[in-house]
C-alpha atoms as a PDB file:
ATOM      1  CA  MET A   1      24.542  91.093  44.429  1.00  0.00           C
ATOM      2  CA  ARG A   2      24.883  87.314  44.276  1.00  0.00           C
ATOM      3  CA  GLY A   3      25.419  87.474  40.504  1.00  0.00           C
ATOM      4  CA  ALA A   4      28.285  89.942  40.933  1.00  0.00           C
ATOM      5  CA  VAL A   5      29.997  87.628  43.404  1.00  0.00           C
ATOM      6  CA  ARG A   6      29.591  84.690  41.030  1.00  0.00           C
ATOM      7  CA  ARG A   7      31.077  86.670  38.125  1.00  0.00           C
ATOM      8  CA  ARG A   8      34.072  87.656  40.237  1.00  0.00           C
ATOM      9  CA  GLU A   9      34.628  83.990  41.176  1.00  0.00           C
ATOM     10  CA  VAL A  10      34.413  82.985  37.528  1.00  0.00           C
ATOM     11  CA  ARG A  11      36.840  85.712  36.458  1.00  0.00           C
ATOM     12  CA  GLU A  12      39.283  84.728  39.196  1.00  0.00           C
ATOM     13  CA  ALA A  13      39.144  81.172  37.904  1.00  0.00           C
ATOM     14  CA  GLY A  14      40.276  82.469  34.513  1.00  0.00           C
ATOM     15  CA  LEU A  15      37.015  81.891  32.703  1.00  0.00           C
ATOM     16  CA  ARG A  16      35.294  84.423  30.491  1.00  0.00           C
ATOM     17  CA  VAL A  17      31.828  85.636  31.470  1.00  0.00           C
ATOM     18  CA  VAL A  18      29.415  85.955  28.568  1.00  0.00           C
ATOM     19  CA  ASP A  19      26.625  88.470  28.933  1.00  0.00           C
ATOM     20  CA  ALA A  20      23.829  87.727  26.464  1.00  0.00           C
ATOM     21  CA  VAL A  21      22.111  91.054  27.233  1.00  0.00           C
ATOM     22  CA  LYS A  22      25.110  93.043  26.002  1.00  0.00           C
ATOM     23  CA  GLY A  23      25.466  90.849  22.946  1.00  0.00           C
ATOM     24  CA  GLU A  24      28.911  89.488  23.741  1.00  0.00           C
ATOM     25  CA  THR A  25      29.804  86.135  22.295  1.00  0.00           C
ATOM     26  CA  ALA A  26      31.980  83.416  23.677  1.00  0.00           C
ATOM     27  CA  ALA A  27      35.483  82.907  22.349  1.00  0.00           C
ATOM     28  CA  ALA A  28      35.773  80.274  19.649  1.00  0.00           C
ATOM     29  CA  ARG A  29      36.068  76.833  21.191  1.00  0.00           C
ATOM     30  CA  PRO A  30      37.640  73.883  19.443  1.00  0.00           C
ATOM     31  CA  ALA A  31      35.165  71.315  18.210  1.00  0.00           C
ATOM     32  CA  PRO A  32      34.706  68.405  20.615  1.00  0.00           C
ATOM     33  CA  GLN A  33      36.607  65.289  19.641  1.00  0.00           C
ATOM     34  CA  VAL A  34      34.295  62.606  18.281  1.00  0.00           C
ATOM     35  CA  PRO A  35      35.495  59.125  19.182  1.00  0.00           C
ATOM     36  CA  PRO A  36      35.937  56.766  16.245  1.00  0.00           C
ATOM     37  CA  PRO A  37      33.029  54.385  15.767  1.00  0.00           C
ATOM     38  CA  ARG A  38      33.364  51.078  17.586  1.00  0.00           C
ATOM     39  CA  THR A  39      33.519  48.084  15.296  1.00  0.00           C
ATOM     40  CA  TYR A  40      33.627  44.329  15.650  1.00  0.00           C
ATOM     41  CA  THR A  41      34.709  41.771  13.074  1.00  0.00           C
ATOM     42  CA  ALA A  42      32.414  38.757  13.216  1.00  0.00           C
ATOM     43  CA  VAL A  43      33.889  35.299  13.602  1.00  0.00           C
ATOM     44  CA  SER A  44      32.421  31.901  12.813  1.00  0.00           C
ATOM     45  CA  GLY A  45      29.519  31.071  15.141  1.00  0.00           C
ATOM     46  CA  ASP A  46      28.730  34.669  16.095  1.00  0.00           C
ATOM     47  CA  THR A  47      25.141  35.875  16.446  1.00  0.00           C
ATOM     48  CA  LEU A  48      23.876  39.403  16.858  1.00  0.00           C
ATOM     49  CA  TRP A  49      22.464  38.355  20.233  1.00  0.00           C
ATOM     50  CA  ALA A  50      25.880  37.131  21.441  1.00  0.00           C
ATOM     51  CA  ILE A  51      27.631  40.255  20.136  1.00  0.00           C
ATOM     52  CA  ALA A  52      25.068  42.506  21.854  1.00  0.00           C
ATOM     53  CA  LYS A  53      25.453  40.568  25.111  1.00  0.00           C
ATOM     54  CA  ARG A  54      29.248  40.802  24.959  1.00  0.00           C
ATOM     55  CA  PHE A  55      29.589  44.474  24.017  1.00  0.00           C
ATOM     56  CA  LEU A  56      26.332  46.067  25.192  1.00  0.00           C
ATOM     57  CA  GLY A  57      25.641  43.907  28.232  1.00  0.00           C
ATOM     58  CA  ASP A  58      22.224  42.747  27.028  1.00  0.00           C
ATOM     59  CA  GLY A  59      21.549  40.354  24.158  1.00  0.00           C
ATOM     60  CA  ALA A  60      18.084  41.851  23.670  1.00  0.00           C
ATOM     61  CA  ARG A  61      19.797  44.986  22.293  1.00  0.00           C
ATOM     62  CA  TRP A  62      20.766  43.148  19.079  1.00  0.00           C
ATOM     63  CA  PRO A  63      18.286  45.221  16.987  1.00  0.00           C
ATOM     64  CA  GLU A  64      20.464  48.296  17.691  1.00  0.00           C
ATOM     65  CA  ILE A  65      23.436  46.576  16.061  1.00  0.00           C
ATOM     66  CA  HIS A  66      21.278  45.410  13.170  1.00  0.00           C
ATOM     67  CA  ALA A  67      19.898  48.921  12.619  1.00  0.00           C
ATOM     68  CA  LEU A  68      23.430  50.346  12.378  1.00  0.00           C
ATOM     69  CA  ASN A  69      24.450  47.688   9.862  1.00  0.00           C
ATOM     70  CA  LEU A  70      21.469  47.433   7.514  1.00  0.00           C
ATOM     71  CA  ASP A  71      23.731  47.988   4.517  1.00  0.00           C
ATOM     72  CA  THR A  72      25.795  44.855   5.294  1.00  0.00           C
ATOM     73  CA  VAL A  73      23.370  42.682   7.287  1.00  0.00           C
ATOM     74  CA  SER A  74      20.097  42.361   5.413  1.00  0.00           C
ATOM     75  CA  ASN A  75      19.015  39.265   7.361  1.00  0.00           C
ATOM     76  CA  PRO A  76      19.841  39.445  11.079  1.00  0.00           C
ATOM     77  CA  ASN A  77      19.812  35.633  11.269  1.00  0.00           C
ATOM     78  CA  MET A  78      22.703  35.410   8.809  1.00  0.00           C
ATOM     79  CA  ILE A  79      25.950  37.136   9.658  1.00  0.00           C
ATOM     80  CA  PHE A  80      29.208  35.856   8.253  1.00  0.00           C
ATOM     81  CA  ALA A  81      32.751  35.567   9.529  1.00  0.00           C
ATOM     82  CA  GLY A  82      34.762  38.604   8.450  1.00  0.00           C
ATOM     83  CA  GLN A  83      31.844  41.041   8.414  1.00  0.00           C
ATOM     84  CA  ILE A  84      32.775  44.305  10.120  1.00  0.00           C
ATOM     85  CA  LEU A  85      29.878  45.510  12.250  1.00  0.00           C
ATOM     86  CA  LEU A  86      29.396  48.976  13.735  1.00  0.00           C
ATOM     87  CA  LEU A  87      28.517  48.949  17.422  1.00  0.00           C
ATOM     88  CA  PRO A  88      26.477  51.595  19.270  1.00  0.00           C
END
């Protein structure tokens, strides 16, 4: 009985109830919007530690930034002004 009450509440709210036993499928939903990747352009004097501290709140998370940017930052001790880095 509790399930019937819940379904009525859902229907009254304007939502569609999907019953997997009967084989019904949900109406097509639009794909969720994926936010654009966050980036940062390095300036003179930047370090991955400082960037991680500023944007991620913890400098020890610099390996995450390095892992996302292996194609542009081969040596994590050498980043250059103007490099565009992806941020997690």
